[in-house]
Amino acid sequence: MIRTTILCCLFPAVLVAQDKATLDAVIATKRFPIPAMADGPTKTSTQLDLHISVLGNTAVWKANADGERQAHVEALSIIEKDTTIIDFRKSDIVGPGRTDTLVGDFLIEEHFVLPPGEYTLSVELHDLNGPADNHSVWKGPLVIPEPGKGVEFSDIMLTDGTRQDAQGNTVPAPFSGTYYPPEAQRLGFYTEILGTPGTFGTGAPFIINYQIETYETHSVKGGFKGTQRASAAPVVTLSKEFSIDQLPSGNYLLAVEVVGNDGAEVARQEQFFQRNNPLKYDLNALESVDITSTFADAFTDPDTLAEHLACLRPIAQPLERRMIDERLKDRDMTLMKRFFYTFWANRDGYDPERAWKSYHVQVVNANRMYGCRNLRGYESDQGITFLKYGLPSTVVDGSRDNKQLPYLIWHYYRAGRYSDKRFVFWEQNTGIGCWELLHSEIPGERHNPQWQAMLSAPLGNASMTDGTRVLSTEGQRVEDNFLRPH
């Protein structure tokens, strides 16, 4: 039975930009083979489900006659083969009405039936509420494979509960994308299995295993595993879900396997997904963290562990820094171990020990290169910057400029999620070898519009500044070094 075009609300989706236009969507396709049968289709074909998840915050929402705010989008989907149009759908979609100021994403579904072959799929979206240039175009290859012999799967469709189709049937509701944010508590899926009568015999029993595996090792994650018995038929459907509130952050595979009565795997299908589910830092949550036999449990000296906690401050979030400071005061070994493990598990759920060891190498480098006076390298401004953003791409050394206080300019081609950013360090108290951060272009770091004037003023050049820039040849040189580092 052909699924009918439907519109529904979704979780906020991950943006997939197709061009420079504003209106955007996540485009996904799922293939469901239709087997040839004596009383049905005589040739094998495939039903292609096209899911277009329109990003609500990229559309213009306007009030309708009822006073609700709605988006209005036109979607044109075209299937081509060798530049010839094989099929197309054109939909005029009015998004779900809202009385609040939120702009939720919404899903457009289209369905095609295609024989095996290689095609091109294109999707054009136009915002009918917005300006003419508020549109996007997506185009890519589409392959409908020839039917195989034996047992085979359709694609796995990730789902979010159920909904009613146009005929009133209860069907799975597609989940947009493959990213599950912290607020997502369940992972559902739907797939179809074909060819079992030819392998087992019509009506013969077989077993379906379904499980969540770590992406890196294909090992089953904890208790995320289920089994269902089935009987061989032309199409066997499987619709299940897992509660993922306890699934840690990481990359995973949802795997479905057909297994014979002898326990041998006959066929397998996989679907990649990502989970973002950071461990909580409150004391009740930390009490439930089992660190037995982990790398964190191996620490026996409280001073060593406290030192390792302290060196995390440069890359810690504000809440984590407060937790670090609390642990450094109470020196409770169990709480320090649990926090230390949780900190790294939130950054690499698959191998937190590897993440820690990699960072610790950089801490050792920071201590060697940027320690000064009574400060360890990870406590100095240069060391903190290094641990956050790595080594700078270029360095301008102004320590010998006798018209300015000694300064260094670190230029990063890439610093975290920012590009082309600079840090200015100065030696306010000359001769002690400690470089303090004077100014940075990165949001959240120390920002000081008067940094040039401050470099010049202590040497009696304050009269040559306008409060920010230094109006002299030396000042121009500093500005050139900042704007055009080499």
Protein backbone atom coordinates (compact mmCIF):
# COMPACT_ATOMS: atom_id res chain seq x y z
CA MET A 1 0.00 0.00 0.00
CA ILE A 2 1.38 3.40 -0.95
CA ARG A 3 1.88 5.73 1.98
CA THR A 4 0.11 9.05 1.69
CA THR A 5 1.69 12.51 1.85
CA ILE A 6 1.52 13.78 5.41
CA LEU A 7 2.60 16.82 7.39
CA CYS A 8 3.56 16.65 11.05
CA CYS A 9 5.63 18.41 13.73
CA LEU A 10 9.12 17.21 14.66
CA PHE A 11 11.88 17.63 17.21
CA PRO A 12 14.23 20.49 16.32
CA ALA A 13 16.41 19.15 13.53
CA VAL A 14 20.06 19.50 12.54
CA LEU A 15 20.57 22.05 9.78
CA VAL A 16 21.80 20.76 6.43
CA ALA A 17 22.66 23.75 4.26
CA GLN A 18 22.32 23.24 0.51
CA ASP A 19 23.15 26.73 -0.78
CA LYS A 20 23.30 30.33 0.43
CA ALA A 21 19.52 30.71 0.60
CA THR A 22 17.79 31.09 3.96
CA LEU A 23 15.14 28.38 3.77
CA ASP A 24 16.64 25.00 4.61
CA ALA A 25 15.68 21.42 5.37
CA VAL A 26 17.06 18.00 6.21
CA ILE A 27 16.49 15.64 3.26
CA ALA A 28 16.32 11.87 3.82
CA THR A 29 15.20 8.91 1.71
CA LYS A 30 14.14 5.42 2.77
CA ARG A 31 13.71 2.49 0.36
CA PHE A 32 11.10 -0.24 0.87
CA PRO A 33 11.21 -3.02 -1.78
CA ILE A 34 7.87 -4.30 -3.09
CA PRO A 35 8.21 -7.99 -3.94
CA ALA A 36 6.75 -9.48 -7.13
CA MET A 37 3.71 -11.67 -6.39
CA ALA A 38 1.30 -13.70 -8.49
CA ASP A 39 -1.71 -11.63 -7.43
CA GLY A 40 0.15 -8.33 -7.34
CA PRO A 41 3.05 -6.61 -9.10
CA THR A 42 4.73 -8.94 -11.56
CA LYS A 43 8.05 -7.10 -11.32
CA THR A 44 9.98 -6.11 -8.25
CA SER A 45 9.92 -2.38 -7.57
CA THR A 46 10.75 -0.14 -4.61
CA GLN A 47 8.71 2.39 -2.73
CA LEU A 48 10.85 5.44 -2.03
CA ASP A 49 9.82 7.49 1.00
CA LEU A 50 11.14 11.04 0.78
CA HIS A 51 11.26 12.95 4.08
CA ILE A 52 11.73 16.71 3.88
CA SER A 53 12.15 18.22 7.33
CA VAL A 54 11.79 21.99 6.95
CA LEU A 55 13.81 23.91 9.55
CA GLY A 56 11.17 26.09 11.17
CA ASN A 57 13.56 28.89 12.12
CA THR A 58 14.52 29.36 8.44
CA ALA A 59 10.92 29.94 7.27
CA VAL A 60 8.75 33.05 7.57
CA TRP A 61 5.72 32.60 9.83
CA LYS A 62 2.63 34.77 9.30
CA ALA A 63 -0.73 35.07 11.04
CA ASN A 64 -3.68 33.25 9.45
CA ALA A 65 -7.39 34.09 9.65
CA ASP A 66 -7.64 32.42 13.07
CA GLY A 67 -4.80 34.46 14.49
CA GLU A 68 -2.35 31.55 14.49
CA ARG A 69 1.14 31.82 13.06
CA GLN A 70 1.92 29.46 10.17
CA ALA A 71 4.67 28.78 7.66
CA HIS A 72 3.76 28.31 3.99
CA VAL A 73 6.18 26.33 1.82
CA GLU A 74 6.04 24.99 -1.73
CA ALA A 75 8.01 21.76 -2.29
CA LEU A 76 8.89 20.38 -5.73
CA SER A 77 10.48 16.89 -5.81
CA ILE A 78 11.73 15.52 -9.12
CA ILE A 79 13.07 12.08 -10.08
CA GLU A 80 15.22 12.06 -13.23
CA LYS A 81 16.96 9.33 -15.20
CA ASP A 82 19.49 10.38 -17.83
CA THR A 83 18.10 13.97 -17.67
CA THR A 84 14.56 12.71 -18.38
CA ILE A 85 11.92 13.39 -15.71
CA ILE A 86 10.51 10.06 -14.55
CA ASP A 87 8.19 11.33 -11.81
CA PHE A 88 7.62 14.42 -9.68
CA ARG A 89 5.55 15.76 -6.79
CA LYS A 90 4.55 19.35 -6.12
CA SER A 91 3.10 20.22 -2.74
CA ASP A 92 1.75 23.45 -1.30
CA ILE A 93 2.26 22.97 2.43
CA VAL A 94 0.88 25.09 5.25
CA GLY A 95 2.76 24.40 8.46
CA PRO A 96 1.09 23.64 11.80
CA GLY A 97 -0.61 26.65 13.35
CA ARG A 98 0.99 28.10 16.49
CA THR A 99 -0.28 30.61 19.02
CA ASP A 100 3.13 31.05 20.70
CA THR A 101 6.38 32.53 19.41
CA LEU A 102 8.08 29.18 18.77
CA VAL A 103 8.89 28.07 15.24
CA GLY A 104 8.92 24.28 15.19
CA ASP A 105 10.25 22.16 12.36
CA PHE A 106 7.74 20.30 10.21
CA LEU A 107 7.90 17.29 7.93
CA ILE A 108 6.77 16.85 4.33
CA GLU A 109 6.53 13.27 3.06
CA GLU A 110 6.42 12.25 -0.59
CA HIS A 111 6.31 8.72 -2.02
CA PHE A 112 7.44 7.26 -5.34
CA VAL A 113 7.41 3.73 -6.80
CA LEU A 114 10.48 3.07 -8.94
CA PRO A 115 12.04 0.10 -10.76
CA PRO A 116 15.72 -0.70 -10.13
CA GLY A 117 18.12 1.82 -11.64
CA GLU A 118 20.23 4.92 -11.12
CA TYR A 119 18.41 8.23 -10.80
CA THR A 120 18.87 11.84 -9.75
CA LEU A 121 16.65 13.27 -7.02
CA SER A 122 16.17 17.02 -6.68
CA VAL A 123 14.14 18.96 -4.14
CA GLU A 124 13.26 22.65 -4.43
CA LEU A 125 11.73 24.54 -1.53
CA HIS A 126 10.17 28.00 -1.81
CA ASP A 127 8.95 30.08 1.13
CA LEU A 128 5.58 31.46 0.00
CA ASN A 129 5.47 33.80 3.01
CA GLY A 130 8.92 35.22 2.41
CA PRO A 131 10.86 37.07 -0.28
CA ALA A 132 11.46 35.44 -3.66
CA ASP A 133 15.04 34.49 -2.79
CA ASN A 134 14.02 32.59 0.36
CA HIS A 135 14.41 29.16 -1.18
CA SER A 136 16.80 26.20 -1.30
CA VAL A 137 17.72 23.49 -3.79
CA TRP A 138 19.02 20.01 -3.00
CA LYS A 139 20.21 17.56 -5.67
CA GLY A 140 21.92 14.20 -5.43
CA PRO A 141 22.20 10.67 -6.84
CA LEU A 142 19.60 8.03 -6.03
CA VAL A 143 20.15 4.29 -6.51
CA ILE A 144 17.37 1.68 -6.46
CA PRO A 145 19.21 -1.67 -6.34
CA GLU A 146 18.25 -4.85 -8.11
CA PRO A 147 16.55 -7.36 -5.79
CA GLY A 148 18.95 -9.80 -4.20
CA LYS A 149 18.51 -13.49 -3.59
CA GLY A 150 17.57 -14.76 -0.18
CA VAL A 151 16.67 -12.63 2.81
CA GLU A 152 17.10 -8.85 2.52
CA PHE A 153 16.04 -5.74 4.40
CA SER A 154 14.47 -2.45 3.51
CA ASP A 155 16.17 0.62 4.91
CA ILE A 156 15.73 1.20 8.63
CA MET A 157 13.52 4.21 9.33
CA LEU A 158 14.05 5.89 12.69
CA THR A 159 10.66 6.75 14.19
CA ASP A 160 9.11 8.98 16.81
CA GLY A 161 5.93 7.26 17.98
CA THR A 162 2.97 6.77 15.66
CA ARG A 163 0.45 8.87 13.72
CA GLN A 164 -2.66 8.43 11.61
CA ASP A 165 -2.28 8.36 7.83
CA ALA A 166 -4.87 9.71 5.37
CA GLN A 167 -6.78 6.41 5.47
CA GLY A 168 -6.93 6.44 9.27
CA ASN A 169 -4.33 3.72 9.73
CA THR A 170 -1.85 3.92 12.60
CA VAL A 171 1.65 4.07 11.09
CA PRO A 172 5.14 4.93 12.43
CA ALA A 173 5.98 8.65 12.49
CA PRO A 174 9.43 9.35 10.99
CA PHE A 175 12.14 10.85 13.20
CA SER A 176 14.07 13.62 11.49
CA GLY A 177 17.81 13.08 11.12
CA THR A 178 20.08 10.77 13.12
CA TYR A 179 20.92 13.02 16.09
CA TYR A 180 19.22 12.42 19.45
CA PRO A 181 19.52 15.44 21.79
CA PRO A 182 19.44 15.21 25.60
CA GLU A 183 15.65 15.72 25.70
CA ALA A 184 14.98 12.71 23.44
CA GLN A 185 14.08 9.78 25.68
CA ARG A 186 13.12 7.06 23.17
CA LEU A 187 14.52 5.67 19.92
CA GLY A 188 12.00 3.93 17.68
CA PHE A 189 12.57 2.21 14.35
CA TYR A 190 10.73 0.43 11.55
CA THR A 191 12.04 -1.94 8.89
CA GLU A 192 10.76 -4.63 6.53
CA ILE A 193 12.27 -8.05 5.87
CA LEU A 194 11.80 -9.76 2.49
CA GLY A 195 12.66 -13.17 1.04
CA THR A 196 12.17 -15.30 4.16
CA PRO A 197 9.85 -17.92 2.50
CA GLY A 198 12.54 -18.84 -0.01
CA THR A 199 15.08 -19.33 2.79
CA PHE A 200 13.05 -20.89 5.60
CA GLY A 201 9.84 -22.03 3.84
CA THR A 202 6.47 -20.28 4.01
CA GLY A 203 5.29 -19.98 7.61
CA ALA A 204 8.50 -21.41 9.04
CA PRO A 205 9.79 -19.81 12.25
CA PHE A 206 12.90 -17.66 12.45
CA ILE A 207 14.39 -15.15 14.87
CA ILE A 208 14.95 -11.39 14.61
CA ASN A 209 17.57 -9.79 16.85
CA TYR A 210 17.71 -6.00 17.24
CA GLN A 211 20.28 -4.10 19.29
CA ILE A 212 22.25 -0.90 19.82
CA GLU A 213 25.98 -1.32 19.22
CA THR A 214 28.91 1.01 19.74
CA TYR A 215 29.94 2.36 16.35
CA GLU A 216 33.63 1.75 16.90
CA THR A 217 33.55 -1.90 18.03
CA HIS A 218 30.11 -3.24 17.03
CA SER A 219 29.75 -4.55 20.58
CA VAL A 220 26.25 -4.52 22.08
CA LYS A 221 25.82 -1.55 24.45
CA GLY A 222 24.67 -2.77 27.85
CA GLY A 223 21.16 -4.20 27.84
CA PHE A 224 20.08 -2.50 24.61
CA LYS A 225 19.09 -5.74 22.90
CA GLY A 226 15.84 -7.47 21.97
CA THR A 227 14.61 -10.59 20.21
CA GLN A 228 11.40 -11.37 18.33
CA ARG A 229 10.19 -14.64 16.83
CA ALA A 230 8.57 -14.40 13.40
CA SER A 231 7.10 -16.58 10.67
CA ALA A 232 8.33 -16.48 7.09
CA ALA A 233 6.17 -14.35 4.78
CA PRO A 234 6.73 -12.21 1.65
CA VAL A 235 7.06 -9.09 3.85
CA VAL A 236 7.73 -9.26 7.59
CA THR A 237 7.58 -5.92 9.42
CA LEU A 238 9.42 -4.97 12.59
CA SER A 239 8.53 -1.87 14.61
CA LYS A 240 10.24 -1.46 17.98
CA GLU A 241 11.70 1.15 20.29
CA PHE A 242 14.30 1.51 23.02
CA SER A 243 14.29 3.79 26.04
CA ILE A 244 17.54 5.74 25.65
CA ASP A 245 17.44 7.95 28.74
CA GLN A 246 20.41 5.96 30.14
CA LEU A 247 22.30 5.65 26.82
CA PRO A 248 25.55 7.67 27.17
CA SER A 249 26.72 10.18 24.59
CA GLY A 250 28.43 8.60 21.61
CA ASN A 251 28.17 7.22 18.09
CA TYR A 252 26.09 4.08 17.69
CA LEU A 253 24.65 1.57 15.26
CA LEU A 254 21.10 0.30 15.41
CA ALA A 255 21.47 -3.26 14.07
CA VAL A 256 18.76 -5.73 13.03
CA GLU A 257 19.64 -9.36 12.24
CA VAL A 258 17.72 -12.32 10.87
CA VAL A 259 18.90 -15.52 12.53
CA GLY A 260 18.05 -19.10 11.61
CA ASN A 261 17.00 -21.72 14.14
CA ASP A 262 20.59 -22.96 14.16
CA GLY A 263 21.74 -19.57 15.49
CA ALA A 264 23.53 -18.55 12.27
CA GLU A 265 23.13 -14.99 11.01
CA VAL A 266 21.30 -14.90 7.67
CA ALA A 267 21.01 -11.14 7.00
CA ARG A 268 21.80 -7.87 8.77
CA GLN A 269 20.91 -4.18 8.39
CA GLU A 270 22.43 -1.21 10.22
CA GLN A 271 21.49 2.44 10.85
CA PHE A 272 23.95 4.97 12.29
CA PHE A 273 22.84 7.51 14.93
CA GLN A 274 24.38 9.89 17.48
CA ARG A 275 23.35 10.34 21.08
CA ASN A 276 24.02 13.44 23.18
CA ASN A 277 23.30 12.56 26.80
CA PRO A 278 25.89 14.10 29.15
CA LEU A 279 26.22 12.64 32.62
CA LYS A 280 24.97 14.94 35.36
CA TYR A 281 27.29 16.45 37.95
CA ASP A 282 25.00 16.73 40.97
CA LEU A 283 25.91 14.58 43.97
CA ASN A 284 22.92 12.26 43.59
CA ALA A 285 23.83 11.54 39.98
CA LEU A 286 27.52 11.08 40.79
CA GLU A 287 26.65 8.50 43.45
CA SER A 288 25.21 6.27 40.73
CA VAL A 289 28.37 6.41 38.59
CA ASP A 290 30.14 3.05 38.75
CA ILE A 291 33.89 3.61 38.45
CA THR A 292 34.91 0.10 39.43
CA SER A 293 37.80 -1.13 37.28
CA THR A 294 37.94 2.15 35.35
CA PHE A 295 41.07 4.25 34.83
CA ALA A 296 39.76 6.72 37.42
CA ASP A 297 39.52 4.01 40.08
CA ALA A 298 43.25 3.30 39.75
CA PHE A 299 44.29 6.53 41.49
CA THR A 300 45.41 6.05 45.09
CA ASP A 301 47.15 9.33 45.95
CA PRO A 302 44.75 12.25 46.65
CA ASP A 303 47.39 14.87 45.82
CA THR A 304 48.01 13.39 42.38
CA LEU A 305 44.31 13.16 41.62
CA ALA A 306 43.75 16.71 42.87
CA GLU A 307 46.50 17.92 40.54
CA HIS A 308 44.83 16.12 37.61
CA LEU A 309 41.50 17.75 38.51
CA ALA A 310 43.07 21.20 38.72
CA CYS A 311 44.57 20.92 35.24
CA LEU A 312 41.06 20.42 33.78
CA ARG A 313 40.01 24.00 34.58
CA PRO A 314 41.15 25.48 31.21
CA ILE A 315 38.74 23.26 29.25
CA ALA A 316 35.98 22.92 31.88
CA GLN A 317 32.54 24.51 31.66
CA PRO A 318 31.47 26.93 34.45
CA LEU A 319 29.57 24.24 36.39
CA GLU A 320 32.50 21.85 36.01
CA ARG A 321 34.93 24.49 37.33
CA ARG A 322 32.77 24.94 40.42
CA MET A 323 32.73 21.18 40.94
CA ILE A 324 36.52 21.05 40.54
CA ASP A 325 36.98 23.78 43.14
CA GLU A 326 34.67 21.93 45.56
CA ARG A 327 36.59 18.67 45.11
CA LEU A 328 39.92 20.46 45.62
CA LYS A 329 38.63 21.68 48.97
CA ASP A 330 37.17 18.45 50.34
CA ARG A 331 39.74 16.05 48.75
CA ASP A 332 37.18 13.23 49.00
CA MET A 333 38.80 10.45 46.92
CA THR A 334 35.53 8.79 45.91
CA LEU A 335 33.92 12.05 44.78
CA MET A 336 37.10 13.13 42.99
CA LYS A 337 37.28 9.81 41.14
CA ARG A 338 33.61 9.93 40.14
CA PHE A 339 33.85 13.50 38.91
CA PHE A 340 37.08 12.81 37.04
CA TYR A 341 35.55 9.81 35.25
CA THR A 342 32.31 11.68 34.48
CA PHE A 343 34.24 14.65 33.07
CA TRP A 344 35.98 12.48 30.47
CA ALA A 345 33.01 10.19 29.80
CA ASN A 346 31.08 13.30 28.77
CA ARG A 347 33.78 14.07 26.21
CA ASP A 348 34.37 10.57 24.89
CA GLY A 349 31.76 8.05 25.97
CA TYR A 350 33.50 5.29 24.03
CA ASP A 351 37.03 5.68 25.44
CA PRO A 352 37.26 8.32 28.20
CA GLU A 353 40.69 7.06 29.28
CA ARG A 354 42.10 7.75 25.82
CA ALA A 355 40.67 11.28 25.91
CA TRP A 356 42.30 11.93 29.28
CA LYS A 357 45.69 10.59 28.25
CA SER A 358 45.67 12.68 25.09
CA TYR A 359 44.84 15.83 27.07
CA HIS A 360 47.43 15.04 29.75
CA VAL A 361 50.16 15.02 27.10
CA GLN A 362 49.20 18.60 26.27
CA VAL A 363 49.18 19.55 29.97
CA VAL A 364 52.77 18.28 30.26
CA ASN A 365 53.67 20.39 27.20
CA ALA A 366 51.94 23.43 28.68
CA ASN A 367 53.85 23.03 31.94
CA ARG A 368 57.13 22.78 30.05
CA MET A 369 56.56 25.71 27.69
CA TYR A 370 54.43 28.19 29.63
CA GLY A 371 55.09 27.75 33.35
CA CYS A 372 56.36 30.91 35.05
CA ARG A 373 57.13 32.15 38.56
CA ASN A 374 54.95 30.07 40.88
CA LEU A 375 52.39 29.19 38.19
CA ARG A 376 52.21 25.83 36.48
CA GLY A 377 51.80 25.99 32.73
CA TYR A 378 48.10 25.07 32.86
CA GLU A 379 47.56 28.01 35.26
CA SER A 380 49.28 30.68 33.13
CA ASP A 381 47.39 32.69 30.51
CA GLN A 382 49.52 31.30 27.70
CA GLY A 383 49.10 27.73 28.96
CA ILE A 384 45.34 28.11 29.32
CA THR A 385 45.08 29.45 25.77
CA PHE A 386 47.26 26.61 24.48
CA LEU A 387 45.14 23.95 26.20
CA LYS A 388 41.93 25.48 24.86
CA TYR A 389 42.96 26.19 21.28
CA GLY A 390 46.30 24.47 20.65
CA LEU A 391 49.44 26.06 19.26
CA PRO A 392 48.93 29.34 17.36
CA SER A 393 49.35 29.35 13.60
CA THR A 394 51.72 32.35 13.74
CA VAL A 395 53.42 34.35 16.51
CA VAL A 396 54.57 37.98 16.37
CA ASP A 397 57.24 38.67 18.98
CA GLY A 398 57.28 42.31 20.10
CA SER A 399 59.46 41.72 23.15
CA ARG A 400 62.30 43.85 21.73
CA ASP A 401 60.15 46.85 20.81
CA ASN A 402 61.56 49.57 23.10
CA LYS A 403 58.67 51.93 22.28
CA GLN A 404 56.06 49.55 23.70
CA LEU A 405 55.89 47.17 26.60
CA PRO A 406 56.91 43.64 25.50
CA TYR A 407 54.05 41.90 23.69
CA LEU A 408 53.24 38.72 21.77
CA ILE A 409 50.48 38.29 19.20
CA TRP A 410 49.16 34.75 18.72
CA HIS A 411 47.21 34.32 15.52
CA TYR A 412 44.96 31.30 14.98
CA TYR A 413 43.67 30.31 11.57
CA ARG A 414 41.20 28.17 13.51
CA ALA A 415 40.44 28.40 17.24
CA GLY A 416 37.64 26.07 18.27
CA ARG A 417 34.64 27.05 16.16
CA TYR A 418 36.14 30.43 15.27
CA SER A 419 38.38 31.37 12.34
CA ASP A 420 41.08 34.05 12.03
CA LYS A 421 41.31 35.13 15.69
CA ARG A 422 44.12 36.76 17.67
CA PHE A 423 45.37 36.91 21.24
CA VAL A 424 47.65 39.66 22.59
CA PHE A 425 49.87 38.85 25.58
CA TRP A 426 52.01 41.40 27.38
CA GLU A 427 54.73 41.43 30.02
CA GLN A 428 53.45 44.15 32.28
CA ASN A 429 56.17 43.52 34.85
CA THR A 430 59.23 43.05 32.70
CA GLY A 431 61.90 40.54 33.55
CA ILE A 432 59.76 37.96 35.38
CA GLY A 433 58.90 35.92 32.28
CA CYS A 434 55.12 35.77 32.79
CA TRP A 435 53.01 36.77 29.81
CA GLU A 436 49.50 37.91 30.72
CA LEU A 437 46.55 37.92 28.33
CA LEU A 438 45.82 41.54 27.42
CA HIS A 439 43.23 41.13 24.65
CA SER A 440 41.46 38.46 22.61
CA GLU A 441 39.06 38.54 19.68
CA ILE A 442 37.23 35.37 20.75
CA PRO A 443 33.86 35.92 22.47
CA GLY A 444 34.03 35.01 26.15
CA GLU A 445 37.76 35.64 26.43
CA ARG A 446 39.31 38.84 27.81
CA HIS A 447 38.33 41.69 25.49
CA ASN A 448 40.19 44.99 25.85
CA PRO A 449 39.67 47.72 23.19
CA GLN A 450 42.40 49.83 24.89
CA TRP A 451 45.11 47.20 24.52
CA GLN A 452 47.27 49.29 22.16
CA ALA A 453 47.15 52.34 24.42
CA MET A 454 48.01 50.20 27.46
CA LEU A 455 51.12 48.86 25.71
CA SER A 456 52.30 52.40 25.07
CA ALA A 457 51.19 54.42 28.12
CA PRO A 458 53.64 53.08 30.77
CA LEU A 459 56.55 54.27 28.62
CA GLY A 460 55.29 57.84 28.50
CA ASN A 461 53.52 57.60 25.16
CA ALA A 462 49.99 58.15 26.46
CA SER A 463 49.80 61.54 24.75
CA MET A 464 50.14 59.82 21.39
CA THR A 465 47.00 57.69 21.81
CA ASP A 466 43.33 58.43 21.15
CA GLY A 467 42.31 56.02 23.91
CA THR A 468 42.55 52.89 21.80
CA ARG A 469 44.97 53.36 18.88
CA VAL A 470 48.56 54.62 19.21
CA LEU A 471 49.10 57.56 16.85
CA SER A 472 52.76 57.00 16.02
CA THR A 473 54.98 55.01 13.71
CA GLU A 474 55.49 52.44 16.47
CA GLY A 475 51.75 52.28 17.06
CA GLN A 476 51.12 51.69 13.36
CA ARG A 477 53.66 48.87 13.39
CA VAL A 478 51.88 47.18 16.30
CA GLU A 479 48.55 47.55 14.52
CA ASP A 480 50.02 46.09 11.32
CA ASN A 481 51.46 43.17 13.29
CA PHE A 482 47.99 42.55 14.75
CA LEU A 483 46.01 42.85 11.51
CA ARG A 484 48.58 41.18 9.27
CA PRO A 485 50.54 38.69 11.36
CA HIS A 486 53.28 36.81 9.57
